[in-house]
PDB file of N, CA and C in Angstrom:
ATOM      1  N   GLN A   1      96.479  78.191 151.575  1.00  0.00           N
ATOM      2  CA  GLN A   1      96.765  79.156 152.873  1.00  0.00           C
ATOM      3  C   GLN A   1      95.377  79.822 152.792  1.00  0.00           C
ATOM      4  N   VAL A   2      94.478  80.266 153.848  1.00  0.00           N
ATOM      5  CA  VAL A   2      93.576  80.746 153.380  1.00  0.00           C
ATOM      6  C   VAL A   2      93.146  81.896 154.370  1.00  0.00           C
ATOM      7  N   GLN A   3      92.770  83.249 153.820  1.00  0.00           N
ATOM      8  CA  GLN A   3      92.681  84.716 154.092  1.00  0.00           C
ATOM      9  C   GLN A   3      91.657  85.184 154.511  1.00  0.00           C
ATOM     10  N   LEU A   4      91.158  86.013 155.091  1.00  0.00           N
ATOM     11  CA  LEU A   4      90.092  86.088 155.668  1.00  0.00           C
ATOM     12  C   LEU A   4      90.452  87.517 155.459  1.00  0.00           C
ATOM     13  N   VAL A   5      89.586  88.298 155.418  1.00  0.00           N
ATOM     14  CA  VAL A   5      88.988  90.164 155.114  1.00  0.00           C
ATOM     15  C   VAL A   5      88.138  90.411 155.828  1.00  0.00           C
ATOM     16  N   GLU A   6      88.134  91.281 157.226  1.00  0.00           N
ATOM     17  CA  GLU A   6      86.585  92.285 157.475  1.00  0.00           C
ATOM     18  C   GLU A   6      87.044  93.424 157.016  1.00  0.00           C
ATOM     19  N   SER A   7      85.990  94.216 157.483  1.00  0.00           N
ATOM     20  CA  SER A   7      85.633  95.265 157.051  1.00  0.00           C
ATOM     21  C   SER A   7      84.008  95.464 157.345  1.00  0.00           C
ATOM     22  N   GLY A   8      83.985  97.076 157.703  1.00  0.00           N
ATOM     23  CA  GLY A   8      82.532  97.325 157.898  1.00  0.00           C
ATOM     24  C   GLY A   8      82.666  97.748 159.070  1.00  0.00           C
ATOM     25  N   GLY A   9      84.030  97.476 160.109  1.00  0.00           N
ATOM     26  CA  GLY A   9      83.477  98.352 161.972  1.00  0.00           C
ATOM     27  C   GLY A   9      83.825 100.092 161.732  1.00  0.00           C
ATOM     28  N   GLY A  10      83.013  99.969 162.844  1.00  0.00           N
ATOM     29  CA  GLY A  10      83.126 101.533 162.842  1.00  0.00           C
ATOM     30  C   GLY A  10      82.652 102.361 164.124  1.00  0.00           C
ATOM     31  N   LEU A  11      82.288 103.265 163.962  1.00  0.00           N
ATOM     32  CA  LEU A  11      81.705 103.847 165.346  1.00  0.00           C
ATOM     33  C   LEU A  11      80.492 104.528 165.454  1.00  0.00           C
ATOM     34  N   VAL A  12      79.374 103.920 166.311  1.00  0.00           N
ATOM     35  CA  VAL A  12      77.837 104.196 166.033  1.00  0.00           C
ATOM     36  C   VAL A  12      77.484 104.264 167.650  1.00  0.00           C
ATOM     37  N   GLN A  13      76.235 104.997 166.977  1.00  0.00           N
ATOM     38  CA  GLN A  13      75.341 105.129 168.396  1.00  0.00           C
ATOM     39  C   GLN A  13      74.667 103.948 168.912  1.00  0.00           C
ATOM     40  N   ALA A  14      74.585 104.156 170.405  1.00  0.00           N
ATOM     41  CA  ALA A  14      73.926 103.058 170.895  1.00  0.00           C
ATOM     42  C   ALA A  14      72.130 103.087 170.152  1.00  0.00           C
ATOM     43  N   GLY A  15      71.753 101.913 169.904  1.00  0.00           N
ATOM     44  CA  GLY A  15      70.045 101.575 168.993  1.00  0.00           C
ATOM     45  C   GLY A  15      70.421 101.395 167.170  1.00  0.00           C
ATOM     46  N   GLY A  16      71.641 101.742 166.885  1.00  0.00           N
ATOM     47  CA  GLY A  16      72.125 102.584 165.673  1.00  0.00           C
ATOM     48  C   GLY A  16      72.316 100.958 164.981  1.00  0.00           C
ATOM     49  N   SER A  17      72.782 100.272 163.574  1.00  0.00           N
ATOM     50  CA  SER A  17      73.056  99.283 163.031  1.00  0.00           C
ATOM     51  C   SER A  17      74.199  99.256 162.095  1.00  0.00           C
ATOM     52  N   LEU A  18      75.038  98.138 161.943  1.00  0.00           N
ATOM     53  CA  LEU A  18      76.396  98.132 161.179  1.00  0.00           C
ATOM     54  C   LEU A  18      76.242  97.127 160.124  1.00  0.00           C
ATOM     55  N   ARG A  19      76.741  96.735 158.860  1.00  0.00           N
ATOM     56  CA  ARG A  19      76.922  95.471 158.559  1.00  0.00           C
ATOM     57  C   ARG A  19      78.697  95.529 158.190  1.00  0.00           C
ATOM     58  N   LEU A  20      78.940  94.053 158.877  1.00  0.00           N
ATOM     59  CA  LEU A  20      80.477  93.876 158.689  1.00  0.00           C
ATOM     60  C   LEU A  20      80.760  92.637 157.648  1.00  0.00           C
ATOM     61  N   THR A  21      81.606  93.006 156.709  1.00  0.00           N
ATOM     62  CA  THR A  21      81.945  92.063 155.844  1.00  0.00           C
ATOM     63  C   THR A  21      82.745  91.079 156.071  1.00  0.00           C
ATOM     64  N   CYS A  22      83.161  89.779 155.708  1.00  0.00           N
ATOM     65  CA  CYS A  22      84.259  89.142 155.552  1.00  0.00           C
ATOM     66  C   CYS A  22      84.273  88.738 153.487  1.00  0.00           C
ATOM     67  N   VAL A  23      85.833  88.724 153.681  1.00  0.00           N
ATOM     68  CA  VAL A  23      86.298  87.943 151.752  1.00  0.00           C
ATOM     69  C   VAL A  23      86.477  86.826 152.450  1.00  0.00           C
ATOM     70  N   VAL A  24      86.544  85.583 151.983  1.00  0.00           N
ATOM     71  CA  VAL A  24      87.068  84.141 151.796  1.00  0.00           C
ATOM     72  C   VAL A  24      88.042  84.114 150.859  1.00  0.00           C
ATOM     73  N   SER A  25      89.541  84.013 150.433  1.00  0.00           N
ATOM     74  CA  SER A  25      90.227  83.689 149.806  1.00  0.00           C
ATOM     75  C   SER A  25      91.190  82.686 150.301  1.00  0.00           C
ATOM     76  N   GLY A  26      91.831  82.237 149.316  1.00  0.00           N
ATOM     77  CA  GLY A  26      92.913  81.040 149.424  1.00  0.00           C
ATOM     78  C   GLY A  26      92.738  80.153 148.667  1.00  0.00           C
ATOM     79  N   THR A  27      93.461  78.895 149.378  1.00  0.00           N
ATOM     80  CA  THR A  27      93.089  77.120 149.176  1.00  0.00           C
ATOM     81  C   THR A  27      91.872  76.209 149.691  1.00  0.00           C
ATOM     82  N   ILE A  28      90.495  77.392 149.490  1.00  0.00           N
ATOM     83  CA  ILE A  28      89.870  76.271 149.764  1.00  0.00           C
ATOM     84  C   ILE A  28      89.181  75.657 149.137  1.00  0.00           C
ATOM     85  N   GLU A  29      89.021  74.215 149.038  1.00  0.00           N
ATOM     86  CA  GLU A  29      88.646  73.837 147.990  1.00  0.00           C
ATOM     87  C   GLU A  29      87.498  74.303 147.482  1.00  0.00           C
ATOM     88  N   SER A  30      85.960  74.316 148.687  1.00  0.00           N
ATOM     89  CA  SER A  30      85.228  74.455 147.970  1.00  0.00           C
ATOM     90  C   SER A  30      84.458  75.471 148.858  1.00  0.00           C
ATOM     91  N   ILE A  31      83.939  76.761 148.707  1.00  0.00           N
ATOM     92  CA  ILE A  31      83.285  77.573 150.175  1.00  0.00           C
ATOM     93  C   ILE A  31      82.467  77.190 150.360  1.00  0.00           C
ATOM     94  N   SER A  32      81.625  76.381 149.473  1.00  0.00           N
ATOM     95  CA  SER A  32      80.282  76.347 149.974  1.00  0.00           C
ATOM     96  C   SER A  32      80.425  74.625 151.107  1.00  0.00           C
ATOM     97  N   THR A  33      81.097  74.480 151.281  1.00  0.00           N
ATOM     98  CA  THR A  33      81.464  73.091 152.390  1.00  0.00           C
ATOM     99  C   THR A  33      82.136  73.235 153.902  1.00  0.00           C
ATOM    100  N   VAL A  34      82.191  74.615 153.826  1.00  0.00           N
ATOM    101  CA  VAL A  34      82.672  75.748 155.188  1.00  0.00           C
ATOM    102  C   VAL A  34      81.770  76.027 156.181  1.00  0.00           C
ATOM    103  N   PRO A  35      81.978  76.097 157.426  1.00  0.00           N
ATOM    104  CA  PRO A  35      81.152  76.682 158.102  1.00  0.00           C
ATOM    105  C   PRO A  35      82.521  78.124 157.996  1.00  0.00           C
ATOM    106  N   LEU A  36      81.162  79.354 157.854  1.00  0.00           N
ATOM    107  CA  LEU A  36      81.676  80.787 158.474  1.00  0.00           C
ATOM    108  C   LEU A  36      81.751  81.603 159.575  1.00  0.00           C
ATOM    109  N   GLY A  37      82.185  82.287 160.283  1.00  0.00           N
ATOM    110  CA  GLY A  37      81.519  82.339 161.431  1.00  0.00           C
ATOM    111  C   GLY A  37      81.723  83.920 161.793  1.00  0.00           C
ATOM    112  N   TRP A  38      81.297  84.340 162.927  1.00  0.00           N
ATOM    113  CA  TRP A  38      81.383  85.343 163.799  1.00  0.00           C
ATOM    114  C   TRP A  38      82.227  85.193 165.168  1.00  0.00           C
ATOM    115  N   HIS A  39      83.023  86.180 165.405  1.00  0.00           N
ATOM    116  CA  HIS A  39      83.648  85.712 166.789  1.00  0.00           C
ATOM    117  C   HIS A  39      84.035  87.360 167.465  1.00  0.00           C
ATOM    118  N   ARG A  40      83.814  87.087 168.825  1.00  0.00           N
ATOM    119  CA  ARG A  40      84.372  88.914 168.616  1.00  0.00           C
ATOM    120  C   ARG A  40      85.076  89.007 170.013  1.00  0.00           C
ATOM    121  N   GLN A  41      85.727  89.922 170.617  1.00  0.00           N
ATOM    122  CA  GLN A  41      86.371  90.330 171.779  1.00  0.00           C
ATOM    123  C   GLN A  41      86.130  91.214 172.135  1.00  0.00           C
ATOM    124  N   THR A  42      85.679  91.461 173.499  1.00  0.00           N
ATOM    125  CA  THR A  42      85.092  93.077 173.791  1.00  0.00           C
ATOM    126  C   THR A  42      86.480  92.750 174.739  1.00  0.00           C
ATOM    127  N   PRO A  43      86.018  94.396 175.020  1.00  0.00           N
ATOM    128  CA  PRO A  43      87.532  94.578 176.308  1.00  0.00           C
ATOM    129  C   PRO A  43      86.926  94.240 177.819  1.00  0.00           C
ATOM    130  N   GLY A  44      87.895  93.560 178.006  1.00  0.00           N
ATOM    131  CA  GLY A  44      88.372  92.845 179.594  1.00  0.00           C
ATOM    132  C   GLY A  44      87.703  91.224 179.366  1.00  0.00           C
ATOM    133  N   LYS A  45      87.686  90.778 178.221  1.00  0.00           N
ATOM    134  CA  LYS A  45      86.914  89.456 177.714  1.00  0.00           C
ATOM    135  C   LYS A  45      88.055  88.516 177.245  1.00  0.00           C
ATOM    136  N   GLN A  46      87.593  87.425 177.048  1.00  0.00           N
ATOM    137  CA  GLN A  46      88.015  85.955 176.279  1.00  0.00           C
ATOM    138  C   GLN A  46      87.522  86.842 174.643  1.00  0.00           C
ATOM    139  N   ARG A  47      87.874  86.240 173.669  1.00  0.00           N
ATOM    140  CA  ARG A  47      87.033  86.007 172.183  1.00  0.00           C
ATOM    141  C   ARG A  47      85.916  85.109 172.998  1.00  0.00           C
ATOM    142  N   GLU A  48      84.870  85.631 172.333  1.00  0.00           N
ATOM    143  CA  GLU A  48      83.456  84.826 171.860  1.00  0.00           C
ATOM    144  C   GLU A  48      82.986  84.914 170.801  1.00  0.00           C
ATOM    145  N   PHE A  49      82.221  83.599 170.806  1.00  0.00           N
ATOM    146  CA  PHE A  49      81.016  83.271 169.602  1.00  0.00           C
ATOM    147  C   PHE A  49      80.751  83.828 169.685  1.00  0.00           C
ATOM    148  N   VAL A  50      79.691  84.812 168.128  1.00  0.00           N
ATOM    149  CA  VAL A  50      78.779  85.460 167.831  1.00  0.00           C
ATOM    150  C   VAL A  50      78.036  84.686 167.331  1.00  0.00           C
ATOM    151  N   ALA A  51      77.933  84.299 165.746  1.00  0.00           N
ATOM    152  CA  ALA A  51      77.305  83.721 165.147  1.00  0.00           C
ATOM    153  C   ALA A  51      77.680  82.974 163.886  1.00  0.00           C
ATOM    154  N   LEU A  52      77.424  81.905 163.414  1.00  0.00           N
ATOM    155  CA  LEU A  52      77.840  80.825 162.294  1.00  0.00           C
ATOM    156  C   LEU A  52      76.665  80.219 161.342  1.00  0.00           C
ATOM    157  N   ALA A  53      77.205  80.275 159.871  1.00  0.00           N
ATOM    158  CA  ALA A  53      76.602  80.164 159.410  1.00  0.00           C
ATOM    159  C   ALA A  53      76.661  79.033 158.528  1.00  0.00           C
ATOM    160  N   SER A  54      76.527  77.659 158.759  1.00  0.00           N
ATOM    161  CA  SER A  54      76.891  76.490 158.501  1.00  0.00           C
ATOM    162  C   SER A  54      76.501  76.172 157.260  1.00  0.00           C
ATOM    163  N   ALA A  55      77.479  75.088 156.394  1.00  0.00           N
ATOM    164  CA  ALA A  55      77.077  74.860 155.510  1.00  0.00           C
ATOM    165  C   ALA A  55      76.200  73.908 155.186  1.00  0.00           C
ATOM    166  N   VAL A  56      75.489  73.450 155.918  1.00  0.00           N
ATOM    167  CA  VAL A  56      74.249  72.384 156.009  1.00  0.00           C
ATOM    168  C   VAL A  56      73.065  72.859 156.893  1.00  0.00           C
ATOM    169  N   ASP A  57      74.014  72.952 158.246  1.00  0.00           N
ATOM    170  CA  ASP A  57      72.704  72.919 159.119  1.00  0.00           C
ATOM    171  C   ASP A  57      71.668  74.260 159.556  1.00  0.00           C
ATOM    172  N   GLY A  58      71.818  75.250 158.671  1.00  0.00           N
ATOM    173  CA  GLY A  58      71.538  76.274 158.935  1.00  0.00           C
ATOM    174  C   GLY A  58      72.121  77.634 159.905  1.00  0.00           C
ATOM    175  N   ASN A  59      72.033  78.393 160.616  1.00  0.00           N
ATOM    176  CA  ASN A  59      72.735  79.669 161.605  1.00  0.00           C
ATOM    177  C   ASN A  59      72.408  79.416 162.916  1.00  0.00           C
ATOM    178  N   THR A  60      73.372  80.191 163.403  1.00  0.00           N
ATOM    179  CA  THR A  60      73.548  79.648 165.074  1.00  0.00           C
ATOM    180  C   THR A  60      73.591  80.863 165.881  1.00  0.00           C
ATOM    181  N   TYR A  61      73.124  81.657 166.675  1.00  0.00           N
ATOM    182  CA  TYR A  61      73.841  82.827 167.364  1.00  0.00           C
ATOM    183  C   TYR A  61      73.893  82.643 168.414  1.00  0.00           C
ATOM    184  N   SER A  62      74.874  83.318 169.249  1.00  0.00           N
ATOM    185  CA  SER A  62      75.299  83.308 170.721  1.00  0.00           C
ATOM    186  C   SER A  62      73.533  84.021 171.839  1.00  0.00           C
ATOM    187  N   GLY A  63      73.387  83.677 172.582  1.00  0.00           N
ATOM    188  CA  GLY A  63      72.529  84.631 173.205  1.00  0.00           C
ATOM    189  C   GLY A  63      72.343  86.277 173.392  1.00  0.00           C
ATOM    190  N   ALA A  64      73.510  86.637 173.333  1.00  0.00           N
ATOM    191  CA  ALA A  64      73.580  87.977 173.687  1.00  0.00           C
ATOM    192  C   ALA A  64      73.013  88.393 172.407  1.00  0.00           C
ATOM    193  N   VAL A  65      73.532  87.876 171.834  1.00  0.00           N
ATOM    194  CA  VAL A  65      73.026  88.631 170.263  1.00  0.00           C
ATOM    195  C   VAL A  65      71.536  88.586 168.818  1.00  0.00           C
ATOM    196  N   LYS A  66      71.321  87.116 169.692  1.00  0.00           N
ATOM    197  CA  LYS A  66      69.900  86.282 168.787  1.00  0.00           C
ATOM    198  C   LYS A  66      68.862  87.416 168.878  1.00  0.00           C
ATOM    199  N   GLY A  67      68.286  87.490 167.870  1.00  0.00           N
ATOM    200  CA  GLY A  67      67.392  88.628 167.236  1.00  0.00           C
ATOM    201  C   GLY A  67      67.647  89.783 166.940  1.00  0.00           C
ATOM    202  N   ARG A  68      68.929  90.138 167.544  1.00  0.00           N
ATOM    203  CA  ARG A  68      69.504  91.713 166.642  1.00  0.00           C
ATOM    204  C   ARG A  68      70.309  91.087 165.601  1.00  0.00           C
ATOM    205  N   PHE A  69      71.103  90.112 165.474  1.00  0.00           N
ATOM    206  CA  PHE A  69      72.147  90.570 164.902  1.00  0.00           C
ATOM    207  C   PHE A  69      71.763  88.736 163.756  1.00  0.00           C
ATOM    208  N   THR A  70      72.086  88.842 162.447  1.00  0.00           N
ATOM    209  CA  THR A  70      71.629  88.449 161.649  1.00  0.00           C
ATOM    210  C   THR A  70      73.263  87.816 160.349  1.00  0.00           C
ATOM    211  N   ILE A  71      73.519  86.668 160.366  1.00  0.00           N
ATOM    212  CA  ILE A  71      74.671  86.011 159.628  1.00  0.00           C
ATOM    213  C   ILE A  71      74.015  85.088 158.295  1.00  0.00           C
ATOM    214  N   THR A  72      74.674  85.533 157.173  1.00  0.00           N
ATOM    215  CA  THR A  72      73.983  85.407 155.840  1.00  0.00           C
ATOM    216  C   THR A  72      75.974  84.740 155.095  1.00  0.00           C
ATOM    217  N   ARG A  73      75.723  84.518 154.097  1.00  0.00           N
ATOM    218  CA  ARG A  73      76.606  84.066 153.241  1.00  0.00           C
ATOM    219  C   ARG A  73      76.266  84.066 151.896  1.00  0.00           C
ATOM    220  N   ASP A  74      77.404  84.611 150.677  1.00  0.00           N
ATOM    221  CA  ASP A  74      77.353  84.703 150.070  1.00  0.00           C
ATOM    222  C   ASP A  74      78.811  83.449 149.022  1.00  0.00           C
ATOM    223  N   ASN A  75      77.818  82.700 149.228  1.00  0.00           N
ATOM    224  CA  ASN A  75      78.987  81.845 148.488  1.00  0.00           C
ATOM    225  C   ASN A  75      79.572  81.699 146.713  1.00  0.00           C
ATOM    226  N   ALA A  76      78.666  82.280 146.206  1.00  0.00           N
ATOM    227  CA  ALA A  76      79.323  82.882 144.827  1.00  0.00           C
ATOM    228  C   ALA A  76      80.502  84.265 144.828  1.00  0.00           C
ATOM    229  N   LYS A  77      80.062  84.793 146.111  1.00  0.00           N
ATOM    230  CA  LYS A  77      81.390  85.960 146.404  1.00  0.00           C
ATOM    231  C   LYS A  77      82.161  85.383 147.305  1.00  0.00           C
ATOM    232  N   SER A  78      82.207  84.184 148.274  1.00  0.00           N
ATOM    233  CA  SER A  78      83.155  83.751 149.023  1.00  0.00           C
ATOM    234  C   SER A  78      82.888  85.382 150.130  1.00  0.00           C
ATOM    235  N   THR A  79      81.659  85.287 150.267  1.00  0.00           N
ATOM    236  CA  THR A  79      81.507  86.191 151.500  1.00  0.00           C
ATOM    237  C   THR A  79      80.285  86.238 152.404  1.00  0.00           C
ATOM    238  N   VAL A  80      80.698  86.567 153.803  1.00  0.00           N
ATOM    239  CA  VAL A  80      80.134  86.261 154.875  1.00  0.00           C
ATOM    240  C   VAL A  80      79.657  87.483 155.288  1.00  0.00           C
ATOM    241  N   TYR A  81      78.740  87.923 155.782  1.00  0.00           N
ATOM    242  CA  TYR A  81      78.116  89.091 156.363  1.00  0.00           C
ATOM    243  C   TYR A  81      77.793  89.302 157.991  1.00  0.00           C
ATOM    244  N   LEU A  82      77.102  90.017 158.479  1.00  0.00           N
ATOM    245  CA  LEU A  82      77.071  90.030 159.832  1.00  0.00           C
ATOM    246  C   LEU A  82      75.982  91.615 159.941  1.00  0.00           C
ATOM    247  N   ASP A  83      74.914  91.134 159.648  1.00  0.00           N
ATOM    248  CA  ASP A  83      74.384  92.300 160.325  1.00  0.00           C
ATOM    249  C   ASP A  83      73.492  92.567 161.472  1.00  0.00           C
ATOM    250  N   MET A  84      73.727  93.583 162.014  1.00  0.00           N
ATOM    251  CA  MET A  84      74.179  94.022 163.269  1.00  0.00           C
ATOM    252  C   MET A  84      72.728  95.223 163.267  1.00  0.00           C
ATOM    253  N   LYS A  85      72.362  94.977 164.661  1.00  0.00           N
ATOM    254  CA  LYS A  85      71.141  96.055 164.700  1.00  0.00           C
ATOM    255  C   LYS A  85      70.726  96.084 165.664  1.00  0.00           C
ATOM    256  N   ASN A  86      70.307  97.480 166.762  1.00  0.00           N
ATOM    257  CA  ASN A  86      69.659  97.806 167.882  1.00  0.00           C
ATOM    258  C   ASN A  86      71.024  97.541 168.843  1.00  0.00           C
ATOM    259  N   LEU A  87      72.729  98.052 168.369  1.00  0.00           N
ATOM    260  CA  LEU A  87      73.249  97.604 169.063  1.00  0.00           C
ATOM    261  C   LEU A  87      73.781  98.254 170.092  1.00  0.00           C
ATOM    262  N   LYS A  88      74.544  97.756 171.324  1.00  0.00           N
ATOM    263  CA  LYS A  88      74.123  97.735 172.804  1.00  0.00           C
ATOM    264  C   LYS A  88      75.845  99.149 172.373  1.00  0.00           C
ATOM    265  N   PRO A  89      76.027  99.400 174.412  1.00  0.00           N
ATOM    266  CA  PRO A  89      77.134  99.305 174.656  1.00  0.00           C
ATOM    267  C   PRO A  89      78.443  98.393 174.405  1.00  0.00           C
ATOM    268  N   GLU A  90      77.895  97.171 174.980  1.00  0.00           N
ATOM    269  CA  GLU A  90      78.476  95.877 175.352  1.00  0.00           C
ATOM    270  C   GLU A  90      78.669  95.521 174.255  1.00  0.00           C
ATOM    271  N   ASP A  91      78.760  95.559 173.333  1.00  0.00           N
ATOM    272  CA  ASP A  91      78.424  95.275 171.851  1.00  0.00           C
ATOM    273  C   ASP A  91      80.010  95.481 171.297  1.00  0.00           C
ATOM    274  N   THR A  92      80.451  96.383 171.803  1.00  0.00           N
ATOM    275  CA  THR A  92      81.906  96.941 171.490  1.00  0.00           C
ATOM    276  C   THR A  92      82.888  96.102 171.456  1.00  0.00           C
ATOM    277  N   GLY A  93      83.584  96.059 170.518  1.00  0.00           N
ATOM    278  CA  GLY A  93      85.160  95.003 170.075  1.00  0.00           C
ATOM    279  C   GLY A  93      85.500  94.475 168.957  1.00  0.00           C
ATOM    280  N   VAL A  94      86.335  93.735 168.861  1.00  0.00           N
ATOM    281  CA  VAL A  94      87.058  93.988 167.459  1.00  0.00           C
ATOM    282  C   VAL A  94      86.067  92.455 167.284  1.00  0.00           C
ATOM    283  N   TYR A  95      85.475  92.255 166.054  1.00  0.00           N
ATOM    284  CA  TYR A  95      85.139  91.133 165.695  1.00  0.00           C
ATOM    285  C   TYR A  95      86.198  90.242 164.518  1.00  0.00           C
ATOM    286  N   TYR A  96      85.481  89.328 165.064  1.00  0.00           N
ATOM    287  CA  TYR A  96      86.938  88.366 163.543  1.00  0.00           C
ATOM    288  C   TYR A  96      86.257  87.703 163.170  1.00  0.00           C
ATOM    289  N   CYS A  97      86.143  87.144 161.877  1.00  0.00           N
ATOM    290  CA  CYS A  97      85.595  86.289 160.908  1.00  0.00           C
ATOM    291  C   CYS A  97      86.737  85.439 160.795  1.00  0.00           C
ATOM    292  N   VAL A  98      86.142  84.184 160.926  1.00  0.00           N
ATOM    293  CA  VAL A  98      86.573  82.858 161.221  1.00  0.00           C
ATOM    294  C   VAL A  98      85.971  82.205 160.294  1.00  0.00           C
ATOM    295  N   THR A  99      86.795  80.821 159.795  1.00  0.00           N
ATOM    296  CA  THR A  99      86.463  79.441 158.871  1.00  0.00           C
ATOM    297  C   THR A  99      87.002  78.097 159.389  1.00  0.00           C
ATOM    298  N   ASN A 100      86.527  77.186 158.673  1.00  0.00           N
ATOM    299  CA  ASN A 100      87.764  75.725 159.431  1.00  0.00           C
ATOM    300  C   ASN A 100      87.137  74.596 158.025  1.00  0.00           C
ATOM    301  N   GLU A 101      88.281  74.024 157.810  1.00  0.00           N
ATOM    302  CA  GLU A 101      88.237  73.158 156.907  1.00  0.00           C
ATOM    303  C   GLU A 101      89.391  72.401 157.284  1.00  0.00           C
ATOM    304  N   ARG A 102      88.488  70.891 157.386  1.00  0.00           N
ATOM    305  CA  ARG A 102      89.588  69.413 157.889  1.00  0.00           C
ATOM    306  C   ARG A 102      90.151  69.683 159.228  1.00  0.00           C
ATOM    307  N   GLY A 103      89.937  70.348 159.536  1.00  0.00           N
ATOM    308  CA  GLY A 103      89.851  70.772 161.279  1.00  0.00           C
ATOM    309  C   GLY A 103      91.329  71.927 161.824  1.00  0.00           C
ATOM    310  N   VAL A 104      90.910  72.385 160.510  1.00  0.00           N
ATOM    311  CA  VAL A 104      91.944  74.097 161.176  1.00  0.00           C
ATOM    312  C   VAL A 104      90.952  74.825 160.329  1.00  0.00           C
ATOM    313  N   SER A 105      91.762  75.858 161.733  1.00  0.00           N
ATOM    314  CA  SER A 105      90.857  76.856 161.437  1.00  0.00           C
ATOM    315  C   SER A 105      91.583  78.821 161.082  1.00  0.00           C
ATOM    316  N   SER A 106      90.618  79.501 160.831  1.00  0.00           N
ATOM    317  CA  SER A 106      91.728  80.482 159.589  1.00  0.00           C
ATOM    318  C   SER A 106      90.833  81.753 160.325  1.00  0.00           C
ATOM    319  N   TRP A 107      91.544  82.531 160.658  1.00  0.00           N
ATOM    320  CA  TRP A 107      90.846  83.896 161.155  1.00  0.00           C
ATOM    321  C   TRP A 107      91.119  85.043 160.207  1.00  0.00           C
ATOM    322  N   GLY A 108      90.576  85.614 160.607  1.00  0.00           N
ATOM    323  CA  GLY A 108      90.783  87.206 159.731  1.00  0.00           C
ATOM    324  C   GLY A 108      91.616  88.446 160.921  1.00  0.00           C
ATOM    325  N   GLN A 109      92.063  89.273 160.348  1.00  0.00           N
ATOM    326  CA  GLN A 109      92.615  90.055 161.422  1.00  0.00           C
ATOM    327  C   GLN A 109      91.409  90.947 162.525  1.00  0.00           C
ATOM    328  N   GLY A 110      90.509  91.577 162.103  1.00  0.00           N
ATOM    329  CA  GLY A 110      89.377  92.031 162.631  1.00  0.00           C
ATOM    330  C   GLY A 110      89.362  92.948 162.234  1.00  0.00           C
ATOM    331  N   THR A 111      88.194  93.333 162.458  1.00  0.00           N
ATOM    332  CA  THR A 111      87.177  94.709 162.501  1.00  0.00           C
ATOM    333  C   THR A 111      87.000  95.415 163.809  1.00  0.00           C
ATOM    334  N   LEU A 112      87.054  96.461 164.535  1.00  0.00           N
ATOM    335  CA  LEU A 112      86.899  97.567 165.444  1.00  0.00           C
ATOM    336  C   LEU A 112      85.292  98.244 165.479  1.00  0.00           C
ATOM    337  N   VAL A 113      84.393  97.449 166.296  1.00  0.00           N
ATOM    338  CA  VAL A 113      83.285  97.745 166.628  1.00  0.00           C
ATOM    339  C   VAL A 113      83.077  99.389 167.624  1.00  0.00           C
ATOM    340  N   THR A 114      82.678  99.770 167.577  1.00  0.00           N
ATOM    341  CA  THR A 114      82.451 100.902 169.010  1.00  0.00           C
ATOM    342  C   THR A 114      81.262 101.373 169.005  1.00  0.00           C
ATOM    343  N   VAL A 115      80.339 101.078 170.151  1.00  0.00           N
ATOM    344  CA  VAL A 115      78.721 101.362 170.031  1.00  0.00           C
ATOM    345  C   VAL A 115      79.262 102.511 171.739  1.00  0.00           C
ATOM    346  N   SER A 116      78.742 103.654 171.331  1.00  0.00           N
ATOM    347  CA  SER A 116      78.504 104.906 172.025  1.00  0.00           C
ATOM    348  C   SER A 116      77.083 104.957 172.498  1.00  0.00           C
ATOM    349  N   SER A 117      77.176 105.309 174.117  1.00  0.00           N
ATOM    350  CA  SER A 117      76.242 105.509 174.925  1.00  0.00           C
ATOM    351  C   SER A 117      75.576 106.944 174.546  1.00  0.00           C
TER     352      SER A 117
END
């Protein structure tokens, strides 16, 4: 079983920054071989992709966050980060960490980010 624990959410003014952290533990054979990503659920919308740190193919971002958010991973710490800059009120939502091993996805419990205007 895989556990993902997010932290770092909070209340920030528009234009501000936050860093989200996700620590992965449990029965992953090798953290360096699995993708690590972030999704979010904003009010009134379905959960959506935000960013992905692939094990081999680099990083990808949604169009809504590209240029403002940066995903990084530290395999030695089994941790993935999401650095968010120039935050906008529409970035408000619950941010979830996710990984996938052999076709099985595991999700964290989420961390709430609130951006005030």
